[in-house]
Amino acid sequence: AIGIVPGWHATIVPPYFVAGAIYAGFAMVLTLAIPLRKIYGLEDFITMRHLENMGKVTLLTGLIVAYGYMSEAFFGWYSANKYEGFMIWNRMTGPYWPYYWTLVFCNIITPQWLWLKRVRTSTVGLFLVAMVVNVGMWLERFVIVITSLHRDFLPSSWGMYYPTMWDWMTFFGTIGLFITLFFLFIRALPMISIFEMRTLAPDANVPGGEGH
């Protein structure tokens, strides 16, 4: 438990936050690696086997996250705690219900396509699933923070959250900052470690590399 506010007062939160971090991390790596692999011609170094294995890990961690969602909903009902029960019901049917069910679609339903080998071995399929998971994991953070705070123990403090201009500027600004730093990284530093390059170079199909 990380607080007494309903939605935060659950022991399942820390482990499924860790699983969610791995889940979101692999989705973001797929989002970045697939375009870079194509643009810079890194198919010999970032192989389809690597991408397929990342798809498998994404599927596994997605199932763990789904288990966390179901456990949270079940114990909200089973605990007979009216505040926890209201929090779960409010997420599902309250003012922010579209966000909750969208994150369920993004984080639980969409990754089930990764059971199919033809999706795991398709760069387009992996990229689309990863993008949907990125959206879902952002919505998860939004739902955890907002729905737990906008209706707490005191009805007199209930309210709705509406993003301001500064919220939107911070949101898009952080995305822009990340992309800028990422481009600077791949411009100034090797995208693949030298050790891995030396290990994989003998098996790489380098055009015009015969006889060297």
N, C-alpha and C. Protein backbone atom coordinates (compact mmCIF):
# COMPACT_ATOMS: atom_id res chain seq x y z
N ALA A 1 0.84 -1.19 0.00
CA ALA A 1 0.00 0.00 0.00
C ALA A 1 0.88 1.25 0.00
N ILE A 2 0.51 2.23 -0.79
CA ILE A 2 1.31 3.46 -0.88
C ILE A 2 0.55 4.67 -0.37
N GLY A 3 -0.65 4.48 0.17
CA GLY A 3 -1.42 5.59 0.70
C GLY A 3 -2.77 5.10 1.17
N ILE A 4 -3.51 5.95 1.88
CA ILE A 4 -4.83 5.55 2.37
C ILE A 4 -5.93 5.91 1.38
N VAL A 5 -5.59 6.62 0.32
CA VAL A 5 -6.59 6.99 -0.68
C VAL A 5 -7.03 5.73 -1.43
N PRO A 6 -8.32 5.49 -1.59
CA PRO A 6 -8.78 4.32 -2.36
C PRO A 6 -8.16 4.31 -3.76
N GLY A 7 -7.67 3.15 -4.16
CA GLY A 7 -6.96 3.03 -5.42
C GLY A 7 -5.46 2.99 -5.23
N TRP A 8 -5.00 3.56 -4.12
CA TRP A 8 -3.58 3.50 -3.77
C TRP A 8 -3.34 2.58 -2.58
N HIS A 9 -4.40 2.25 -1.87
CA HIS A 9 -4.28 1.45 -0.65
C HIS A 9 -4.45 -0.03 -1.01
N ALA A 10 -3.49 -0.55 -1.77
CA ALA A 10 -3.57 -1.95 -2.20
C ALA A 10 -2.16 -2.51 -2.31
N THR A 11 -1.95 -3.69 -1.76
CA THR A 11 -0.61 -4.29 -1.78
C THR A 11 -0.24 -4.81 -3.16
N ILE A 12 -1.21 -4.93 -4.07
CA ILE A 12 -0.90 -5.42 -5.42
C ILE A 12 -0.24 -4.33 -6.26
N VAL A 13 -0.32 -3.07 -5.81
CA VAL A 13 0.17 -1.96 -6.63
C VAL A 13 1.67 -2.06 -6.92
N PRO A 14 2.55 -2.25 -5.92
CA PRO A 14 3.99 -2.28 -6.24
C PRO A 14 4.40 -3.35 -7.25
N PRO A 15 4.00 -4.63 -7.08
CA PRO A 15 4.45 -5.62 -8.07
C PRO A 15 3.90 -5.38 -9.46
N TYR A 16 2.64 -4.95 -9.57
CA TYR A 16 2.15 -4.77 -10.93
C TYR A 16 2.62 -3.45 -11.53
N PHE A 17 3.11 -2.53 -10.69
CA PHE A 17 3.78 -1.35 -11.21
C PHE A 17 5.12 -1.74 -11.84
N VAL A 18 5.83 -2.68 -11.19
CA VAL A 18 7.10 -3.16 -11.76
C VAL A 18 6.84 -3.86 -13.09
N ALA A 19 5.85 -4.76 -13.10
CA ALA A 19 5.50 -5.45 -14.34
C ALA A 19 5.07 -4.45 -15.41
N GLY A 20 4.31 -3.44 -14.99
CA GLY A 20 3.88 -2.41 -15.93
C GLY A 20 5.03 -1.61 -16.49
N ALA A 21 6.06 -1.37 -15.66
CA ALA A 21 7.24 -0.65 -16.14
C ALA A 21 7.98 -1.46 -17.19
N ILE A 22 8.12 -2.77 -16.96
CA ILE A 22 8.76 -3.63 -17.96
C ILE A 22 7.92 -3.67 -19.23
N TYR A 23 6.62 -3.79 -19.04
CA TYR A 23 5.67 -3.83 -20.16
C TYR A 23 5.79 -2.58 -21.02
N ALA A 24 5.70 -1.42 -20.37
CA ALA A 24 5.80 -0.15 -21.10
C ALA A 24 7.19 0.03 -21.70
N GLY A 25 8.22 -0.44 -20.98
CA GLY A 25 9.58 -0.29 -21.48
C GLY A 25 9.81 -1.07 -22.76
N PHE A 26 9.35 -2.32 -22.80
CA PHE A 26 9.52 -3.11 -24.02
C PHE A 26 8.70 -2.53 -25.17
N ALA A 27 7.51 -2.02 -24.86
CA ALA A 27 6.70 -1.40 -25.91
C ALA A 27 7.41 -0.17 -26.49
N MET A 28 8.03 0.62 -25.61
CA MET A 28 8.74 1.80 -26.10
C MET A 28 9.99 1.42 -26.89
N VAL A 29 10.69 0.38 -26.45
CA VAL A 29 11.87 -0.07 -27.20
C VAL A 29 11.46 -0.54 -28.59
N LEU A 30 10.36 -1.27 -28.69
CA LEU A 30 9.87 -1.68 -30.01
C LEU A 30 9.50 -0.47 -30.85
N THR A 31 8.87 0.52 -30.22
CA THR A 31 8.47 1.73 -30.94
C THR A 31 9.68 2.45 -31.53
N LEU A 32 10.80 2.45 -30.81
CA LEU A 32 11.99 3.15 -31.27
C LEU A 32 12.87 2.28 -32.16
N ALA A 33 12.98 0.99 -31.82
CA ALA A 33 13.92 0.12 -32.52
C ALA A 33 13.46 -0.21 -33.94
N ILE A 34 12.16 -0.40 -34.13
CA ILE A 34 11.68 -0.81 -35.45
C ILE A 34 11.94 0.26 -36.51
N PRO A 35 11.60 1.55 -36.27
CA PRO A 35 11.94 2.56 -37.28
C PRO A 35 13.45 2.72 -37.48
N LEU A 36 14.22 2.71 -36.37
CA LEU A 36 15.68 2.85 -36.50
C LEU A 36 16.27 1.69 -37.29
N ARG A 37 15.76 0.51 -37.05
CA ARG A 37 16.24 -0.67 -37.78
C ARG A 37 16.06 -0.51 -39.28
N LYS A 38 14.93 0.06 -39.67
CA LYS A 38 14.64 0.25 -41.09
C LYS A 38 15.43 1.42 -41.67
N ILE A 39 15.46 2.54 -40.96
CA ILE A 39 16.09 3.75 -41.49
C ILE A 39 17.60 3.57 -41.64
N TYR A 40 18.24 2.96 -40.65
CA TYR A 40 19.69 2.84 -40.65
C TYR A 40 20.18 1.48 -41.17
N GLY A 41 19.29 0.66 -41.67
CA GLY A 41 19.69 -0.63 -42.24
C GLY A 41 20.34 -1.56 -41.23
N LEU A 42 19.73 -1.70 -40.07
CA LEU A 42 20.31 -2.52 -39.00
C LEU A 42 19.67 -3.91 -38.93
N GLU A 43 19.12 -4.36 -40.05
CA GLU A 43 18.43 -5.66 -40.03
C GLU A 43 19.36 -6.81 -39.67
N ASP A 44 20.67 -6.68 -39.96
CA ASP A 44 21.60 -7.75 -39.63
C ASP A 44 21.94 -7.78 -38.14
N PHE A 45 21.69 -6.68 -37.45
CA PHE A 45 22.07 -6.59 -36.04
C PHE A 45 20.85 -6.64 -35.11
N ILE A 46 19.76 -5.99 -35.51
CA ILE A 46 18.49 -6.13 -34.80
C ILE A 46 17.63 -7.04 -35.65
N THR A 47 17.74 -8.33 -35.40
CA THR A 47 17.11 -9.31 -36.27
C THR A 47 15.64 -9.51 -35.89
N MET A 48 14.93 -10.21 -36.77
CA MET A 48 13.54 -10.52 -36.47
C MET A 48 13.42 -11.42 -35.25
N ARG A 49 14.45 -12.22 -35.00
CA ARG A 49 14.44 -13.06 -33.79
C ARG A 49 14.43 -12.19 -32.54
N HIS A 50 15.21 -11.11 -32.55
CA HIS A 50 15.20 -10.18 -31.41
C HIS A 50 13.82 -9.57 -31.23
N LEU A 51 13.24 -9.11 -32.33
CA LEU A 51 11.93 -8.45 -32.25
C LEU A 51 10.85 -9.43 -31.79
N GLU A 52 10.92 -10.67 -32.28
CA GLU A 52 9.92 -11.66 -31.87
C GLU A 52 10.03 -11.95 -30.38
N ASN A 53 11.26 -12.08 -29.88
CA ASN A 53 11.44 -12.32 -28.45
C ASN A 53 10.94 -11.15 -27.61
N MET A 54 11.14 -9.94 -28.12
CA MET A 54 10.60 -8.77 -27.42
C MET A 54 9.08 -8.80 -27.41
N GLY A 55 8.50 -9.27 -28.50
CA GLY A 55 7.05 -9.42 -28.53
C GLY A 55 6.56 -10.43 -27.51
N LYS A 56 7.32 -11.51 -27.32
CA LYS A 56 6.95 -12.52 -26.32
C LYS A 56 7.01 -11.95 -24.91
N VAL A 57 8.07 -11.19 -24.62
CA VAL A 57 8.19 -10.58 -23.29
C VAL A 57 7.07 -9.56 -23.07
N THR A 58 6.75 -8.81 -24.12
CA THR A 58 5.64 -7.86 -24.02
C THR A 58 4.34 -8.57 -23.71
N LEU A 59 4.10 -9.69 -24.37
CA LEU A 59 2.88 -10.47 -24.11
C LEU A 59 2.87 -10.98 -22.68
N LEU A 60 4.00 -11.51 -22.21
CA LEU A 60 4.07 -12.05 -20.84
C LEU A 60 3.80 -10.97 -19.80
N THR A 61 4.49 -9.84 -19.92
CA THR A 61 4.28 -8.77 -18.94
C THR A 61 2.88 -8.17 -19.06
N GLY A 62 2.32 -8.19 -20.27
CA GLY A 62 0.95 -7.73 -20.43
C GLY A 62 -0.04 -8.62 -19.69
N LEU A 63 0.22 -9.93 -19.68
CA LEU A 63 -0.64 -10.84 -18.93
C LEU A 63 -0.51 -10.61 -17.42
N ILE A 64 0.71 -10.29 -16.97
CA ILE A 64 0.90 -9.98 -15.54
C ILE A 64 0.13 -8.71 -15.18
N VAL A 65 0.21 -7.70 -16.04
CA VAL A 65 -0.53 -6.46 -15.80
C VAL A 65 -2.04 -6.73 -15.79
N ALA A 66 -2.51 -7.56 -16.71
CA ALA A 66 -3.93 -7.91 -16.74
C ALA A 66 -4.35 -8.60 -15.45
N TYR A 67 -3.48 -9.48 -14.95
CA TYR A 67 -3.75 -10.15 -13.67
C TYR A 67 -3.85 -9.12 -12.54
N GLY A 68 -2.98 -8.11 -12.58
CA GLY A 68 -3.03 -7.05 -11.57
C GLY A 68 -4.34 -6.28 -11.63
N TYR A 69 -4.81 -5.97 -12.84
CA TYR A 69 -6.09 -5.26 -12.97
C TYR A 69 -7.23 -6.10 -12.39
N MET A 70 -7.25 -7.39 -12.75
CA MET A 70 -8.34 -8.25 -12.27
C MET A 70 -8.27 -8.44 -10.76
N SER A 71 -7.05 -8.57 -10.22
CA SER A 71 -6.91 -8.72 -8.77
C SER A 71 -7.39 -7.47 -8.04
N GLU A 72 -7.04 -6.32 -8.58
CA GLU A 72 -7.47 -5.07 -7.95
C GLU A 72 -8.99 -4.96 -7.93
N ALA A 73 -9.62 -5.31 -9.05
CA ALA A 73 -11.08 -5.24 -9.11
C ALA A 73 -11.71 -6.28 -8.18
N PHE A 74 -11.15 -7.49 -8.16
CA PHE A 74 -11.71 -8.55 -7.32
C PHE A 74 -11.62 -8.20 -5.84
N PHE A 75 -10.45 -7.74 -5.40
CA PHE A 75 -10.29 -7.45 -3.98
C PHE A 75 -11.03 -6.18 -3.57
N GLY A 76 -11.28 -5.29 -4.53
CA GLY A 76 -12.13 -4.15 -4.22
C GLY A 76 -13.53 -4.60 -3.85
N TRP A 77 -13.99 -5.69 -4.50
CA TRP A 77 -15.30 -6.25 -4.16
C TRP A 77 -15.21 -7.18 -2.95
N TYR A 78 -14.21 -8.07 -2.93
CA TYR A 78 -14.12 -9.11 -1.90
C TYR A 78 -13.81 -8.53 -0.52
N SER A 79 -13.11 -7.41 -0.46
CA SER A 79 -12.74 -6.83 0.83
C SER A 79 -13.95 -6.29 1.59
N ALA A 80 -15.05 -6.06 0.88
CA ALA A 80 -16.26 -5.48 1.49
C ALA A 80 -15.99 -4.09 2.04
N ASN A 81 -14.92 -3.45 1.56
CA ASN A 81 -14.62 -2.07 1.93
C ASN A 81 -15.38 -1.16 0.97
N LYS A 82 -16.32 -0.40 1.50
CA LYS A 82 -17.19 0.38 0.62
C LYS A 82 -16.43 1.44 -0.15
N TYR A 83 -15.32 1.92 0.42
CA TYR A 83 -14.55 2.95 -0.28
C TYR A 83 -13.79 2.35 -1.46
N GLU A 84 -13.17 1.18 -1.24
CA GLU A 84 -12.48 0.51 -2.33
C GLU A 84 -13.47 0.07 -3.41
N GLY A 85 -14.61 -0.46 -2.97
CA GLY A 85 -15.62 -0.88 -3.93
C GLY A 85 -16.14 0.28 -4.76
N PHE A 86 -16.35 1.42 -4.10
CA PHE A 86 -16.81 2.60 -4.84
C PHE A 86 -15.76 3.07 -5.83
N MET A 87 -14.48 3.00 -5.43
CA MET A 87 -13.41 3.44 -6.33
C MET A 87 -13.40 2.61 -7.61
N ILE A 88 -13.51 1.28 -7.48
CA ILE A 88 -13.52 0.42 -8.66
C ILE A 88 -14.75 0.71 -9.52
N TRP A 89 -15.91 0.82 -8.88
CA TRP A 89 -17.14 1.09 -9.62
C TRP A 89 -17.09 2.46 -10.29
N ASN A 90 -16.49 3.43 -9.61
CA ASN A 90 -16.37 4.77 -10.18
C ASN A 90 -15.46 4.77 -11.40
N ARG A 91 -14.38 3.97 -11.35
CA ARG A 91 -13.51 3.87 -12.52
C ARG A 91 -14.25 3.29 -13.71
N MET A 92 -15.09 2.29 -13.44
CA MET A 92 -15.76 1.58 -14.53
C MET A 92 -16.96 2.34 -15.09
N THR A 93 -17.66 3.07 -14.23
CA THR A 93 -18.91 3.69 -14.66
C THR A 93 -18.99 5.19 -14.39
N GLY A 94 -17.97 5.76 -13.74
CA GLY A 94 -18.00 7.17 -13.37
C GLY A 94 -17.67 8.09 -14.53
N PRO A 95 -17.37 9.34 -14.22
CA PRO A 95 -17.10 10.34 -15.28
C PRO A 95 -15.91 9.99 -16.16
N TYR A 96 -14.97 9.22 -15.63
CA TYR A 96 -13.77 8.89 -16.40
C TYR A 96 -13.81 7.47 -16.96
N TRP A 97 -15.02 6.91 -17.08
CA TRP A 97 -15.12 5.53 -17.57
C TRP A 97 -14.52 5.34 -18.97
N PRO A 98 -14.58 6.29 -19.91
CA PRO A 98 -13.96 6.02 -21.22
C PRO A 98 -12.45 5.77 -21.12
N TYR A 99 -11.79 6.47 -20.20
CA TYR A 99 -10.35 6.29 -20.04
C TYR A 99 -10.04 4.89 -19.50
N TYR A 100 -10.85 4.45 -18.53
CA TYR A 100 -10.61 3.14 -17.94
C TYR A 100 -10.78 2.03 -18.97
N TRP A 101 -11.87 2.04 -19.69
CA TRP A 101 -12.12 0.95 -20.65
C TRP A 101 -11.20 1.05 -21.85
N THR A 102 -10.74 2.25 -22.18
CA THR A 102 -9.74 2.37 -23.25
C THR A 102 -8.43 1.75 -22.83
N LEU A 103 -8.02 1.96 -21.56
CA LEU A 103 -6.77 1.35 -21.11
C LEU A 103 -6.91 -0.16 -21.03
N VAL A 104 -8.09 -0.67 -20.68
CA VAL A 104 -8.31 -2.12 -20.69
C VAL A 104 -8.16 -2.66 -22.11
N PHE A 105 -8.72 -1.96 -23.08
CA PHE A 105 -8.58 -2.38 -24.47
C PHE A 105 -7.12 -2.35 -24.91
N CYS A 106 -6.42 -1.28 -24.56
CA CYS A 106 -5.04 -1.11 -25.02
C CYS A 106 -4.08 -2.09 -24.34
N ASN A 107 -4.25 -2.30 -23.03
CA ASN A 107 -3.27 -3.06 -22.26
C ASN A 107 -3.59 -4.54 -22.12
N ILE A 108 -4.84 -4.92 -22.32
CA ILE A 108 -5.22 -6.33 -22.13
C ILE A 108 -5.63 -6.98 -23.45
N ILE A 109 -6.51 -6.33 -24.19
CA ILE A 109 -7.08 -6.97 -25.39
C ILE A 109 -6.11 -6.92 -26.57
N THR A 110 -5.58 -5.73 -26.86
CA THR A 110 -4.71 -5.59 -28.03
C THR A 110 -3.48 -6.48 -28.00
N PRO A 111 -2.75 -6.61 -26.86
CA PRO A 111 -1.55 -7.46 -26.86
C PRO A 111 -1.83 -8.94 -27.12
N GLN A 112 -3.10 -9.37 -27.06
CA GLN A 112 -3.39 -10.78 -27.31
C GLN A 112 -3.09 -11.16 -28.76
N TRP A 113 -2.96 -10.16 -29.63
CA TRP A 113 -2.54 -10.45 -31.01
C TRP A 113 -1.14 -11.05 -31.05
N LEU A 114 -0.36 -10.82 -29.98
CA LEU A 114 1.02 -11.32 -29.96
C LEU A 114 1.08 -12.83 -29.76
N TRP A 115 -0.04 -13.48 -29.49
CA TRP A 115 -0.05 -14.94 -29.49
C TRP A 115 0.21 -15.48 -30.89
N LEU A 116 -0.09 -14.68 -31.91
CA LEU A 116 0.06 -15.13 -33.29
C LEU A 116 1.48 -14.88 -33.77
N LYS A 117 2.11 -15.92 -34.28
CA LYS A 117 3.50 -15.79 -34.74
C LYS A 117 3.62 -14.81 -35.90
N ARG A 118 2.60 -14.78 -36.75
CA ARG A 118 2.69 -13.87 -37.90
C ARG A 118 2.64 -12.41 -37.47
N VAL A 119 2.08 -12.13 -36.30
CA VAL A 119 2.11 -10.76 -35.77
C VAL A 119 3.46 -10.49 -35.12
N ARG A 120 3.98 -11.47 -34.37
CA ARG A 120 5.27 -11.29 -33.71
C ARG A 120 6.42 -11.18 -34.70
N THR A 121 6.24 -11.72 -35.90
CA THR A 121 7.30 -11.65 -36.91
C THR A 121 7.01 -10.60 -37.97
N SER A 122 6.10 -9.70 -37.68
CA SER A 122 5.78 -8.60 -38.58
C SER A 122 6.17 -7.29 -37.91
N THR A 123 7.05 -6.53 -38.54
CA THR A 123 7.46 -5.26 -37.94
C THR A 123 6.29 -4.30 -37.84
N VAL A 124 5.41 -4.32 -38.83
CA VAL A 124 4.24 -3.43 -38.79
C VAL A 124 3.31 -3.83 -37.65
N GLY A 125 3.05 -5.14 -37.52
CA GLY A 125 2.19 -5.61 -36.44
C GLY A 125 2.76 -5.29 -35.07
N LEU A 126 4.05 -5.55 -34.88
CA LEU A 126 4.69 -5.25 -33.59
C LEU A 126 4.65 -3.76 -33.29
N PHE A 127 4.90 -2.94 -34.31
CA PHE A 127 4.91 -1.50 -34.10
C PHE A 127 3.53 -0.99 -33.70
N LEU A 128 2.48 -1.49 -34.36
CA LEU A 128 1.12 -1.05 -34.03
C LEU A 128 0.73 -1.47 -32.62
N VAL A 129 1.04 -2.72 -32.26
CA VAL A 129 0.72 -3.18 -30.90
C VAL A 129 1.48 -2.35 -29.87
N ALA A 130 2.76 -2.08 -30.13
CA ALA A 130 3.57 -1.30 -29.19
C ALA A 130 3.01 0.11 -29.02
N MET A 131 2.57 0.73 -30.10
CA MET A 131 2.01 2.08 -29.99
C MET A 131 0.72 2.08 -29.17
N VAL A 132 -0.11 1.06 -29.36
CA VAL A 132 -1.35 0.97 -28.58
C VAL A 132 -1.03 0.77 -27.10
N VAL A 133 -0.02 -0.07 -26.80
CA VAL A 133 0.37 -0.29 -25.41
C VAL A 133 0.91 0.99 -24.79
N ASN A 134 1.67 1.78 -25.55
CA ASN A 134 2.16 3.06 -25.03
C ASN A 134 1.00 3.96 -24.60
N VAL A 135 -0.03 4.01 -25.43
CA VAL A 135 -1.21 4.81 -25.09
C VAL A 135 -1.87 4.25 -23.83
N GLY A 136 -2.01 2.93 -23.78
CA GLY A 136 -2.67 2.30 -22.64
C GLY A 136 -1.93 2.52 -21.34
N MET A 137 -0.61 2.46 -21.36
CA MET A 137 0.15 2.64 -20.13
C MET A 137 0.11 4.09 -19.66
N TRP A 138 0.04 5.03 -20.60
CA TRP A 138 -0.14 6.43 -20.19
C TRP A 138 -1.52 6.60 -19.54
N LEU A 139 -2.54 6.00 -20.13
CA LEU A 139 -3.88 6.09 -19.57
C LEU A 139 -3.95 5.42 -18.19
N GLU A 140 -3.18 4.36 -17.99
CA GLU A 140 -3.17 3.72 -16.68
C GLU A 140 -2.72 4.69 -15.60
N ARG A 141 -1.63 5.41 -15.86
CA ARG A 141 -1.14 6.39 -14.89
C ARG A 141 -2.18 7.49 -14.66
N PHE A 142 -2.82 7.91 -15.74
CA PHE A 142 -3.85 8.94 -15.62
C PHE A 142 -4.99 8.46 -14.73
N VAL A 143 -5.46 7.25 -14.98
CA VAL A 143 -6.59 6.71 -14.21
C VAL A 143 -6.21 6.52 -12.75
N ILE A 144 -5.02 6.00 -12.48
CA ILE A 144 -4.61 5.76 -11.09
C ILE A 144 -4.56 7.07 -10.31
N VAL A 145 -4.01 8.11 -10.92
CA VAL A 145 -3.86 9.38 -10.20
C VAL A 145 -5.19 10.13 -10.11
N ILE A 146 -5.85 10.31 -11.24
CA ILE A 146 -7.01 11.20 -11.29
C ILE A 146 -8.24 10.59 -10.61
N THR A 147 -8.57 9.33 -10.95
CA THR A 147 -9.80 8.77 -10.40
C THR A 147 -9.72 8.53 -8.90
N SER A 148 -8.50 8.39 -8.37
CA SER A 148 -8.36 8.21 -6.92
C SER A 148 -8.45 9.53 -6.17
N LEU A 149 -8.17 10.63 -6.84
CA LEU A 149 -8.16 11.93 -6.17
C LEU A 149 -9.43 12.74 -6.40
N HIS A 150 -10.09 12.53 -7.54
CA HIS A 150 -11.22 13.42 -7.84
C HIS A 150 -12.44 13.09 -6.98
N ARG A 151 -12.48 11.87 -6.40
CA ARG A 151 -13.54 11.53 -5.45
C ARG A 151 -12.92 10.73 -4.32
N ASP A 152 -12.57 11.44 -3.24
CA ASP A 152 -11.96 10.75 -2.11
C ASP A 152 -12.99 10.55 -1.00
N PHE A 153 -12.56 10.59 0.25
CA PHE A 153 -13.47 10.28 1.36
C PHE A 153 -14.52 11.37 1.60
N LEU A 154 -14.22 12.61 1.26
CA LEU A 154 -15.12 13.73 1.55
C LEU A 154 -15.82 14.20 0.28
N PRO A 155 -17.14 14.03 0.17
CA PRO A 155 -17.85 14.52 -1.01
C PRO A 155 -17.66 16.02 -1.24
N SER A 156 -17.39 16.76 -0.16
CA SER A 156 -17.21 18.21 -0.31
C SER A 156 -15.95 18.55 -1.10
N SER A 157 -15.01 17.60 -1.19
CA SER A 157 -13.77 17.86 -1.93
C SER A 157 -13.78 17.21 -3.31
N TRP A 158 -14.92 16.66 -3.71
CA TRP A 158 -15.00 16.03 -5.03
C TRP A 158 -14.92 17.10 -6.12
N GLY A 159 -14.36 16.71 -7.22
CA GLY A 159 -14.25 17.64 -8.34
C GLY A 159 -13.81 16.91 -9.59
N MET A 160 -13.73 17.63 -10.68
CA MET A 160 -13.29 17.07 -11.96
C MET A 160 -11.99 17.73 -12.37
N TYR A 161 -11.16 16.95 -13.02
CA TYR A 161 -9.89 17.48 -13.52
C TYR A 161 -10.02 17.79 -15.00
N TYR A 162 -9.67 19.02 -15.36
CA TYR A 162 -9.65 19.43 -16.76
C TYR A 162 -8.27 20.02 -17.05
N PRO A 163 -7.55 19.44 -18.00
CA PRO A 163 -6.18 19.93 -18.27
C PRO A 163 -6.19 21.37 -18.77
N THR A 164 -5.24 22.13 -18.28
CA THR A 164 -5.08 23.52 -18.70
C THR A 164 -4.07 23.60 -19.84
N MET A 165 -3.88 24.80 -20.34
CA MET A 165 -2.88 25.01 -21.38
C MET A 165 -1.50 24.57 -20.90
N TRP A 166 -1.20 24.83 -19.63
CA TRP A 166 0.12 24.48 -19.09
C TRP A 166 0.28 22.97 -18.98
N ASP A 167 -0.80 22.28 -18.69
CA ASP A 167 -0.73 20.82 -18.66
C ASP A 167 -0.40 20.26 -20.04
N TRP A 168 -1.10 20.79 -21.06
CA TRP A 168 -0.84 20.32 -22.42
C TRP A 168 0.58 20.67 -22.87
N MET A 169 1.04 21.87 -22.51
CA MET A 169 2.40 22.28 -22.88
C MET A 169 3.45 21.39 -22.21
N THR A 170 3.21 21.05 -20.94
CA THR A 170 4.13 20.15 -20.24
C THR A 170 4.13 18.77 -20.87
N PHE A 171 2.93 18.29 -21.23
CA PHE A 171 2.81 16.97 -21.83
C PHE A 171 3.57 16.88 -23.15
N PHE A 172 3.26 17.78 -24.07
CA PHE A 172 3.93 17.74 -25.38
C PHE A 172 5.40 18.16 -25.27
N GLY A 173 5.70 19.04 -24.31
CA GLY A 173 7.09 19.45 -24.13
C GLY A 173 7.98 18.31 -23.68
N THR A 174 7.48 17.47 -22.78
CA THR A 174 8.28 16.33 -22.33
C THR A 174 8.49 15.32 -23.45
N ILE A 175 7.46 15.14 -24.29
CA ILE A 175 7.63 14.25 -25.45
C ILE A 175 8.69 14.82 -26.39
N GLY A 176 8.62 16.13 -26.65
CA GLY A 176 9.61 16.76 -27.52
C GLY A 176 11.01 16.69 -26.94
N LEU A 177 11.12 16.87 -25.62
CA LEU A 177 12.44 16.79 -24.97
C LEU A 177 13.01 15.38 -25.09
N PHE A 178 12.17 14.37 -24.89
CA PHE A 178 12.64 12.99 -25.01
C PHE A 178 13.12 12.70 -26.43
N ILE A 179 12.34 13.11 -27.43
CA ILE A 179 12.73 12.85 -28.82
C ILE A 179 14.04 13.57 -29.15
N THR A 180 14.18 14.81 -28.67
CA THR A 180 15.42 15.57 -28.92
C THR A 180 16.62 14.87 -28.30
N LEU A 181 16.50 14.47 -27.04
CA LEU A 181 17.61 13.78 -26.38
C LEU A 181 17.91 12.44 -27.04
N PHE A 182 16.87 11.77 -27.51
CA PHE A 182 17.08 10.49 -28.19
C PHE A 182 17.85 10.68 -29.49
N PHE A 183 17.48 11.69 -30.27
CA PHE A 183 18.20 11.96 -31.52
C PHE A 183 19.65 12.37 -31.25
N LEU A 184 19.87 13.15 -30.19
CA LEU A 184 21.24 13.52 -29.83
C LEU A 184 22.04 12.28 -29.42
N PHE A 185 21.39 11.36 -28.74
CA PHE A 185 22.07 10.14 -28.32
C PHE A 185 22.52 9.32 -29.52
N ILE A 186 21.61 9.07 -30.48
CA ILE A 186 21.99 8.24 -31.62
C ILE A 186 22.93 8.99 -32.57
N ARG A 187 22.99 10.32 -32.44
CA ARG A 187 23.93 11.09 -33.26
C ARG A 187 25.34 11.05 -32.68
N ALA A 188 25.45 11.05 -31.35
CA ALA A 188 26.76 11.18 -30.72
C ALA A 188 27.32 9.86 -30.22
N LEU A 189 26.47 8.88 -29.96
CA LEU A 189 26.93 7.62 -29.36
C LEU A 189 26.50 6.44 -30.23
N PRO A 190 27.21 5.32 -30.14
CA PRO A 190 26.82 4.14 -30.94
C PRO A 190 25.45 3.62 -30.51
N MET A 191 24.63 3.29 -31.50
CA MET A 191 23.31 2.73 -31.19
C MET A 191 23.43 1.30 -30.68
N ILE A 192 24.48 0.60 -31.12
CA ILE A 192 24.75 -0.77 -30.70
C ILE A 192 26.15 -0.80 -30.12
N SER A 193 26.32 -1.49 -29.00
CA SER A 193 27.63 -1.50 -28.35
C SER A 193 28.69 -2.15 -29.24
N ILE A 194 29.92 -1.69 -29.10
CA ILE A 194 31.02 -2.22 -29.91
C ILE A 194 31.20 -3.72 -29.66
N PHE A 195 31.02 -4.15 -28.42
CA PHE A 195 31.16 -5.57 -28.11
C PHE A 195 30.17 -6.40 -28.91
N GLU A 196 28.92 -5.94 -28.98
CA GLU A 196 27.92 -6.68 -29.75
C GLU A 196 28.23 -6.64 -31.24
N MET A 197 28.76 -5.52 -31.71
CA MET A 197 29.14 -5.42 -33.11
C MET A 197 30.23 -6.43 -33.45
N ARG A 198 31.23 -6.55 -32.58
CA ARG A 198 32.33 -7.49 -32.83
C ARG A 198 31.84 -8.92 -32.80
N THR A 199 30.84 -9.19 -31.97
CA THR A 199 30.31 -10.54 -31.88
C THR A 199 29.49 -10.91 -33.10
N LEU A 200 28.71 -9.93 -33.62
CA LEU A 200 27.78 -10.21 -34.71
C LEU A 200 28.38 -9.97 -36.09
N ALA A 201 29.47 -9.19 -36.17
CA ALA A 201 30.02 -8.80 -37.46
C ALA A 201 30.34 -9.97 -38.38
N PRO A 202 30.92 -11.08 -37.88
CA PRO A 202 31.23 -12.19 -38.81
C PRO A 202 30.00 -12.77 -39.49
N ASP A 203 28.82 -12.65 -38.87
CA ASP A 203 27.61 -13.20 -39.45
C ASP A 203 26.81 -12.18 -40.25
N ALA A 204 27.26 -10.93 -40.26
CA ALA A 204 26.51 -9.88 -40.94
C ALA A 204 26.71 -9.97 -42.44
N ASN A 205 25.65 -9.67 -43.17
CA ASN A 205 25.71 -9.65 -44.63
C ASN A 205 25.97 -8.22 -45.07
N VAL A 206 27.25 -7.85 -45.16
CA VAL A 206 27.64 -6.49 -45.49
C VAL A 206 27.85 -6.38 -47.00
N PRO A 207 27.08 -5.54 -47.71
CA PRO A 207 27.26 -5.40 -49.15
C PRO A 207 28.67 -4.93 -49.48
N GLY A 208 29.32 -5.62 -50.41
CA GLY A 208 30.67 -5.23 -50.81
C GLY A 208 31.72 -5.54 -49.79
N GLY A 209 31.36 -6.34 -48.78
CA GLY A 209 32.32 -6.61 -47.71
C GLY A 209 33.18 -7.83 -47.96
N GLU A 210 32.95 -8.57 -49.04
CA GLU A 210 33.73 -9.77 -49.32
C GLU A 210 35.15 -9.40 -49.70
N GLY A 211 36.07 -10.18 -49.19
CA GLY A 211 37.47 -9.97 -49.53
C GLY A 211 38.17 -8.99 -48.63
N HIS A 212 37.48 -8.44 -47.62
CA HIS A 212 38.10 -7.49 -46.71
C HIS A 212 38.43 -8.19 -45.40
